[in-house]
Amino acid sequence: MILHLLNVITAYRPNEYSKKLKRETREQHDLIEGHPFISEMLDGTLPDYKYAIYLANLLPIYRAIEQSLFQNNHNKDIIQSEKIIQDLSQYSALLNYHFESPGLNIVFYKDWLHTLSNKTDFYKKTDLYIRWLGDMYGGQIIKKNIRYTCKYEFKTLRKDIRYVRRMIERELDDSNIDNFVSEAIISYKFNYKLVDYIYKCSEKDLWI
């Protein structure tokens, strides 16, 4: 599942860190995984317009992370914002709505983006770690049940997973594990707010 992030992260982390992360983020993890937006996305029943709104709100988040962390990156396979734009372009044509520049009534990412802008690069890497690995693992399930799948396509998936893991793992130690846990919880909360807002949207909200 896309939000089995605990399994994704802890599978490659020393036991002491894994147990702490799992224990202290369990409540947020279970809360978002149980949201009907996620359930419908995984079983293929989420309406196209809601998934497109989801992508439109994630795009500024991905861009902010990439602009900070990928300036010298030569692995183009993990530039997710470009893939999201491709998906949004197709949804825009399908639904006759310009999702690349959504109306204010379906913009919910601003608080998340503001918080992200105040983080150091290390803490941005925690968001990178959670979002990107979610695409690389759970995204492989999701792409079987959505219309357009560029966001979840990776030409060198195993290599990309190792690259992203190492970005955070090489800096994680006893002195910052508590901060990593705190940032993971913050990301869970922003994810929950985003999917909850979008789940409550109706299709007519696109045209207001």
C-alpha atoms as a PDB file:
ATOM      1  CA  MET A   1       0.000   0.000   0.000  1.00  0.00           C
ATOM      2  CA  ILE A   2       1.134   3.539  -0.684  1.00  0.00           C
ATOM      3  CA  LEU A   3       1.145   4.486   2.953  1.00  0.00           C
ATOM      4  CA  HIS A   4       2.849   1.431   4.355  1.00  0.00           C
ATOM      5  CA  LEU A   5       5.685   3.872   4.830  1.00  0.00           C
ATOM      6  CA  LEU A   6       6.748   2.365   8.111  1.00  0.00           C
ATOM      7  CA  ASN A   7       7.519  -0.895   6.348  1.00  0.00           C
ATOM      8  CA  VAL A   8       9.329   0.931   3.561  1.00  0.00           C
ATOM      9  CA  ILE A   9      11.517   2.910   5.934  1.00  0.00           C
ATOM     10  CA  THR A  10      12.148   0.436   8.710  1.00  0.00           C
ATOM     11  CA  ALA A  11      13.085  -2.399   6.380  1.00  0.00           C
ATOM     12  CA  TYR A  12      16.460  -0.720   5.881  1.00  0.00           C
ATOM     13  CA  ARG A  13      17.130   0.920   9.215  1.00  0.00           C
ATOM     14  CA  PRO A  14      18.944  -0.326  12.332  1.00  0.00           C
ATOM     15  CA  ASN A  15      16.575  -1.969  14.798  1.00  0.00           C
ATOM     16  CA  GLU A  16      16.758   0.748  17.441  1.00  0.00           C
ATOM     17  CA  TYR A  17      15.673   3.388  14.938  1.00  0.00           C
ATOM     18  CA  SER A  18      13.083   1.160  13.311  1.00  0.00           C
ATOM     19  CA  LYS A  19      11.310   0.391  16.554  1.00  0.00           C
ATOM     20  CA  LYS A  20      11.262   4.029  17.618  1.00  0.00           C
ATOM     21  CA  LEU A  21       9.915   5.214  14.277  1.00  0.00           C
ATOM     22  CA  LYS A  22       7.265   2.507  14.168  1.00  0.00           C
ATOM     23  CA  ARG A  23       6.165   3.042  17.747  1.00  0.00           C
ATOM     24  CA  GLU A  24       5.982   6.827  17.676  1.00  0.00           C
ATOM     25  CA  THR A  25       4.305   7.235  14.290  1.00  0.00           C
ATOM     26  CA  ARG A  26       1.890   4.307  14.508  1.00  0.00           C
ATOM     27  CA  GLU A  27      -1.149   6.431  15.335  1.00  0.00           C
ATOM     28  CA  GLN A  28      -0.683   8.787  12.374  1.00  0.00           C
ATOM     29  CA  HIS A  29       0.183   5.914  10.062  1.00  0.00           C
ATOM     30  CA  ASP A  30      -2.982   3.993  10.894  1.00  0.00           C
ATOM     31  CA  LEU A  31      -5.134   7.111  10.703  1.00  0.00           C
ATOM     32  CA  ILE A  32      -4.208   8.044   7.162  1.00  0.00           C
ATOM     33  CA  GLU A  33      -4.095   4.479   5.903  1.00  0.00           C
ATOM     34  CA  GLY A  34      -7.667   4.067   7.044  1.00  0.00           C
ATOM     35  CA  HIS A  35      -8.933   7.142   5.218  1.00  0.00           C
ATOM     36  CA  PRO A  36     -11.466   6.302   2.478  1.00  0.00           C
ATOM     37  CA  PHE A  37      -9.521   8.432  -0.028  1.00  0.00           C
ATOM     38  CA  ILE A  38      -6.586   6.039   0.261  1.00  0.00           C
ATOM     39  CA  SER A  39      -8.823   2.970   0.162  1.00  0.00           C
ATOM     40  CA  GLU A  40     -10.547   4.166  -2.993  1.00  0.00           C
ATOM     41  CA  MET A  41      -7.249   5.072  -4.635  1.00  0.00           C
ATOM     42  CA  LEU A  42      -5.957   1.573  -3.984  1.00  0.00           C
ATOM     43  CA  ASP A  43      -9.047  -0.273  -5.191  1.00  0.00           C
ATOM     44  CA  GLY A  44      -9.573   1.892  -8.272  1.00  0.00           C
ATOM     45  CA  THR A  45     -12.816   3.575  -7.248  1.00  0.00           C
ATOM     46  CA  LEU A  46     -11.476   7.078  -6.575  1.00  0.00           C
ATOM     47  CA  PRO A  47     -12.997   9.512  -9.126  1.00  0.00           C
ATOM     48  CA  ASP A  48     -10.577  10.920 -11.694  1.00  0.00           C
ATOM     49  CA  TYR A  49     -11.178  14.516 -10.653  1.00  0.00           C
ATOM     50  CA  LYS A  50     -10.243  13.808  -7.029  1.00  0.00           C
ATOM     51  CA  TYR A  51      -7.016  12.107  -7.981  1.00  0.00           C
ATOM     52  CA  ALA A  52      -6.194  15.007 -10.311  1.00  0.00           C
ATOM     53  CA  ILE A  53      -6.807  17.501  -7.505  1.00  0.00           C
ATOM     54  CA  TYR A  54      -4.505  15.395  -5.323  1.00  0.00           C
ATOM     55  CA  LEU A  55      -1.723  15.602  -7.918  1.00  0.00           C
ATOM     56  CA  ALA A  56      -2.249  19.337  -8.388  1.00  0.00           C
ATOM     57  CA  ASN A  57      -1.760  19.900  -4.677  1.00  0.00           C
ATOM     58  CA  LEU A  58       1.286  17.636  -4.466  1.00  0.00           C
ATOM     59  CA  LEU A  59       3.074  19.301  -7.386  1.00  0.00           C
ATOM     60  CA  PRO A  60       4.268  22.410  -5.445  1.00  0.00           C
ATOM     61  CA  ILE A  61       5.496  20.156  -2.625  1.00  0.00           C
ATOM     62  CA  TYR A  62       7.550  17.988  -4.956  1.00  0.00           C
ATOM     63  CA  ARG A  63       8.917  21.047  -6.734  1.00  0.00           C
ATOM     64  CA  ALA A  64      10.042  22.647  -3.468  1.00  0.00           C
ATOM     65  CA  ILE A  65      11.877  19.502  -2.390  1.00  0.00           C
ATOM     66  CA  GLU A  66      13.508  19.018  -5.766  1.00  0.00           C
ATOM     67  CA  GLN A  67      14.646  22.624  -6.020  1.00  0.00           C
ATOM     68  CA  SER A  68      16.396  22.334  -2.669  1.00  0.00           C
ATOM     69  CA  LEU A  69      17.862  18.854  -2.893  1.00  0.00           C
ATOM     70  CA  PHE A  70      18.299  17.972  -6.552  1.00  0.00           C
ATOM     71  CA  GLN A  71      20.223  20.912  -7.960  1.00  0.00           C
ATOM     72  CA  ASN A  72      23.259  18.728  -8.649  1.00  0.00           C
ATOM     73  CA  ASN A  73      21.341  15.525  -9.184  1.00  0.00           C
ATOM     74  CA  HIS A  74      22.038  13.668 -12.404  1.00  0.00           C
ATOM     75  CA  ASN A  75      19.424  10.953 -11.888  1.00  0.00           C
ATOM     76  CA  LYS A  76      16.529  12.293 -13.927  1.00  0.00           C
ATOM     77  CA  ASP A  77      14.451   9.211 -13.128  1.00  0.00           C
ATOM     78  CA  ILE A  78      13.570  10.607  -9.696  1.00  0.00           C
ATOM     79  CA  ILE A  79      12.408  14.057 -10.822  1.00  0.00           C
ATOM     80  CA  GLN A  80       8.796  13.479  -9.868  1.00  0.00           C
ATOM     81  CA  SER A  81       7.451  16.954 -10.616  1.00  0.00           C
ATOM     82  CA  GLU A  82       7.955  16.440 -14.354  1.00  0.00           C
ATOM     83  CA  LYS A  83       6.021  13.176 -14.204  1.00  0.00           C
ATOM     84  CA  ILE A  84       3.206  14.801 -12.247  1.00  0.00           C
ATOM     85  CA  ILE A  85       2.946  17.540 -14.875  1.00  0.00           C
ATOM     86  CA  GLN A  86       2.560  14.885 -17.570  1.00  0.00           C
ATOM     87  CA  ASP A  87      -0.243  13.208 -15.611  1.00  0.00           C
ATOM     88  CA  LEU A  88      -1.964  16.542 -14.935  1.00  0.00           C
ATOM     89  CA  SER A  89      -1.820  17.444 -18.596  1.00  0.00           C
ATOM     90  CA  GLN A  90      -3.695  14.261 -19.449  1.00  0.00           C
ATOM     91  CA  TYR A  91      -6.269  14.785 -16.700  1.00  0.00           C
ATOM     92  CA  SER A  92      -6.743  18.375 -17.858  1.00  0.00           C
ATOM     93  CA  ALA A  93      -7.593  17.139 -21.357  1.00  0.00           C
ATOM     94  CA  LEU A  94      -9.858  14.409 -19.987  1.00  0.00           C
ATOM     95  CA  LEU A  95     -11.817  16.625 -17.608  1.00  0.00           C
ATOM     96  CA  ASN A  96     -11.559  19.938 -19.473  1.00  0.00           C
ATOM     97  CA  TYR A  97     -10.006  21.697 -16.491  1.00  0.00           C
ATOM     98  CA  HIS A  98      -6.542  23.263 -16.171  1.00  0.00           C
ATOM     99  CA  PHE A  99      -5.193  21.333 -13.186  1.00  0.00           C
ATOM    100  CA  GLU A 100      -1.691  22.739 -13.634  1.00  0.00           C
ATOM    101  CA  SER A 101      -3.084  26.077 -12.381  1.00  0.00           C
ATOM    102  CA  PRO A 102      -6.012  25.057 -10.172  1.00  0.00           C
ATOM    103  CA  GLY A 103      -8.613  27.465  -8.871  1.00  0.00           C
ATOM    104  CA  LEU A 104      -8.234  28.631  -5.277  1.00  0.00           C
ATOM    105  CA  ASN A 105     -11.254  26.614  -4.178  1.00  0.00           C
ATOM    106  CA  ILE A 106      -9.265  23.363  -4.623  1.00  0.00           C
ATOM    107  CA  VAL A 107      -5.847  24.574  -3.409  1.00  0.00           C
ATOM    108  CA  PHE A 108      -4.998  23.007  -0.051  1.00  0.00           C
ATOM    109  CA  TYR A 109      -1.199  22.753  -0.047  1.00  0.00           C
ATOM    110  CA  LYS A 110      -0.176  26.231   1.139  1.00  0.00           C
ATOM    111  CA  ASP A 111       0.285  25.464   4.846  1.00  0.00           C
ATOM    112  CA  TRP A 112       2.348  22.395   3.982  1.00  0.00           C
ATOM    113  CA  LEU A 113       4.477  24.383   1.539  1.00  0.00           C
ATOM    114  CA  HIS A 114       5.029  27.150   4.090  1.00  0.00           C
ATOM    115  CA  THR A 115       6.216  24.630   6.678  1.00  0.00           C
ATOM    116  CA  LEU A 116       8.470  22.977   4.129  1.00  0.00           C
ATOM    117  CA  SER A 117      10.037  26.304   3.139  1.00  0.00           C
ATOM    118  CA  ASN A 118      11.232  26.828   6.712  1.00  0.00           C
ATOM    119  CA  LYS A 119      13.010  23.481   6.957  1.00  0.00           C
ATOM    120  CA  THR A 120      16.714  22.918   6.550  1.00  0.00           C
ATOM    121  CA  ASP A 121      17.810  20.557   3.808  1.00  0.00           C
ATOM    122  CA  PHE A 122      18.157  17.716   6.306  1.00  0.00           C
ATOM    123  CA  TYR A 123      14.524  17.936   7.328  1.00  0.00           C
ATOM    124  CA  LYS A 124      13.448  18.292   3.715  1.00  0.00           C
ATOM    125  CA  LYS A 125      15.132  14.951   3.183  1.00  0.00           C
ATOM    126  CA  THR A 126      12.678  13.364   5.585  1.00  0.00           C
ATOM    127  CA  ASP A 127       9.823  14.559   3.361  1.00  0.00           C
ATOM    128  CA  LEU A 128      11.756  13.362   0.332  1.00  0.00           C
ATOM    129  CA  TYR A 129      12.276   9.977   1.921  1.00  0.00           C
ATOM    130  CA  ILE A 130       8.619   9.488   2.773  1.00  0.00           C
ATOM    131  CA  ARG A 131       7.049  10.842  -0.433  1.00  0.00           C
ATOM    132  CA  TRP A 132       9.465   9.339  -2.937  1.00  0.00           C
ATOM    133  CA  LEU A 133       9.587   5.867  -1.439  1.00  0.00           C
ATOM    134  CA  GLY A 134       5.819   5.926  -1.222  1.00  0.00           C
ATOM    135  CA  ASP A 135       5.792   6.385  -5.002  1.00  0.00           C
ATOM    136  CA  MET A 136       8.409   3.707  -5.552  1.00  0.00           C
ATOM    137  CA  TYR A 137       6.764   1.063  -3.383  1.00  0.00           C
ATOM    138  CA  GLY A 138       3.034   1.617  -2.893  1.00  0.00           C
ATOM    139  CA  GLY A 139       2.866   3.515  -6.148  1.00  0.00           C
ATOM    140  CA  GLN A 140       3.479   0.276  -8.014  1.00  0.00           C
ATOM    141  CA  ILE A 141       0.141  -0.958  -6.651  1.00  0.00           C
ATOM    142  CA  ILE A 142      -1.672   2.317  -7.213  1.00  0.00           C
ATOM    143  CA  LYS A 143      -0.684   2.573 -10.866  1.00  0.00           C
ATOM    144  CA  LYS A 144      -2.685  -0.581 -11.594  1.00  0.00           C
ATOM    145  CA  ASN A 145      -5.868   1.195 -10.533  1.00  0.00           C
ATOM    146  CA  ILE A 146      -5.576   4.763 -11.865  1.00  0.00           C
ATOM    147  CA  ARG A 147      -5.893   6.164 -15.362  1.00  0.00           C
ATOM    148  CA  TYR A 148      -2.558   7.956 -15.840  1.00  0.00           C
ATOM    149  CA  THR A 149       0.585   6.614 -14.189  1.00  0.00           C
ATOM    150  CA  CYS A 150       3.648   8.707 -15.051  1.00  0.00           C
ATOM    151  CA  LYS A 151       4.189   9.568 -11.367  1.00  0.00           C
ATOM    152  CA  TYR A 152       4.835   5.920 -10.542  1.00  0.00           C
ATOM    153  CA  GLU A 153       6.996   4.999 -13.508  1.00  0.00           C
ATOM    154  CA  PHE A 154      10.713   4.440 -12.762  1.00  0.00           C
ATOM    155  CA  LYS A 155      13.111   3.132 -15.377  1.00  0.00           C
ATOM    156  CA  THR A 156      15.643   2.012 -12.763  1.00  0.00           C
ATOM    157  CA  LEU A 157      13.445   1.352  -9.759  1.00  0.00           C
ATOM    158  CA  ARG A 158      15.898  -0.537  -7.552  1.00  0.00           C
ATOM    159  CA  LYS A 159      18.675   1.952  -8.224  1.00  0.00           C
ATOM    160  CA  ASP A 160      16.330   4.847  -7.470  1.00  0.00           C
ATOM    161  CA  ILE A 161      15.235   3.291  -4.174  1.00  0.00           C
ATOM    162  CA  ARG A 162      18.849   2.889  -3.075  1.00  0.00           C
ATOM    163  CA  TYR A 163      19.640   6.469  -4.060  1.00  0.00           C
ATOM    164  CA  VAL A 164      16.789   7.976  -2.053  1.00  0.00           C
ATOM    165  CA  ARG A 165      17.387   5.729   0.963  1.00  0.00           C
ATOM    166  CA  ARG A 166      21.024   6.727   1.138  1.00  0.00           C
ATOM    167  CA  MET A 167      20.225  10.420   1.016  1.00  0.00           C
ATOM    168  CA  ILE A 168      18.690  10.207   4.460  1.00  0.00           C
ATOM    169  CA  GLU A 169      20.387   7.129   5.944  1.00  0.00           C
ATOM    170  CA  ARG A 170      23.896   8.524   5.646  1.00  0.00           C
ATOM    171  CA  GLU A 171      22.958  11.372   7.996  1.00  0.00           C
ATOM    172  CA  LEU A 172      20.680   9.581  10.447  1.00  0.00           C
ATOM    173  CA  ASP A 173      22.142   8.896  13.883  1.00  0.00           C
ATOM    174  CA  ASP A 174      21.402   9.044  17.596  1.00  0.00           C
ATOM    175  CA  SER A 175      21.581  12.823  17.614  1.00  0.00           C
ATOM    176  CA  ASN A 176      18.768  13.352  15.089  1.00  0.00           C
ATOM    177  CA  ILE A 177      16.504  10.303  15.187  1.00  0.00           C
ATOM    178  CA  ASP A 178      14.041  12.154  17.436  1.00  0.00           C
ATOM    179  CA  ASN A 179      13.863  14.987  14.904  1.00  0.00           C
ATOM    180  CA  PHE A 180      13.363  12.498  12.100  1.00  0.00           C
ATOM    181  CA  VAL A 181      10.421  10.955  13.948  1.00  0.00           C
ATOM    182  CA  SER A 182       8.928  14.398  14.588  1.00  0.00           C
ATOM    183  CA  GLU A 183       9.208  15.360  10.942  1.00  0.00           C
ATOM    184  CA  ALA A 184       7.669  12.059   9.860  1.00  0.00           C
ATOM    185  CA  ILE A 185       4.668  12.756  12.106  1.00  0.00           C
ATOM    186  CA  ILE A 186       4.308  16.245  10.645  1.00  0.00           C
ATOM    187  CA  SER A 187       4.313  14.799   7.134  1.00  0.00           C
ATOM    188  CA  TYR A 188       1.667  12.261   8.063  1.00  0.00           C
ATOM    189  CA  LYS A 189      -0.533  15.047   9.410  1.00  0.00           C
ATOM    190  CA  PHE A 190      -0.173  17.160   6.289  1.00  0.00           C
ATOM    191  CA  ASN A 191      -0.929  14.123   4.133  1.00  0.00           C
ATOM    192  CA  TYR A 192      -4.035  13.394   6.157  1.00  0.00           C
ATOM    193  CA  LYS A 193      -5.300  16.978   5.920  1.00  0.00           C
ATOM    194  CA  LEU A 194      -4.721  16.998   2.177  1.00  0.00           C
ATOM    195  CA  VAL A 195      -6.582  13.786   1.401  1.00  0.00           C
ATOM    196  CA  ASP A 196      -9.363  14.709   3.814  1.00  0.00           C
ATOM    197  CA  TYR A 197      -9.917  18.082   2.143  1.00  0.00           C
ATOM    198  CA  ILE A 198      -9.904  16.544  -1.317  1.00  0.00           C
ATOM    199  CA  TYR A 199     -12.164  13.651  -0.376  1.00  0.00           C
ATOM    200  CA  LYS A 200     -14.823  16.170   0.652  1.00  0.00           C
ATOM    201  CA  CYS A 201     -14.636  17.991  -2.697  1.00  0.00           C
ATOM    202  CA  SER A 202     -17.398  17.549  -5.210  1.00  0.00           C
ATOM    203  CA  GLU A 203     -16.856  17.789  -8.963  1.00  0.00           C
ATOM    204  CA  LYS A 204     -18.716  21.090  -9.064  1.00  0.00           C
ATOM    205  CA  ASP A 205     -15.932  22.604  -6.927  1.00  0.00           C
ATOM    206  CA  LEU A 206     -13.782  22.593 -10.054  1.00  0.00           C
ATOM    207  CA  TRP A 207     -16.019  25.111 -11.737  1.00  0.00           C
ATOM    208  CA  ILE A 208     -16.694  27.535  -8.867  1.00  0.00           C
END
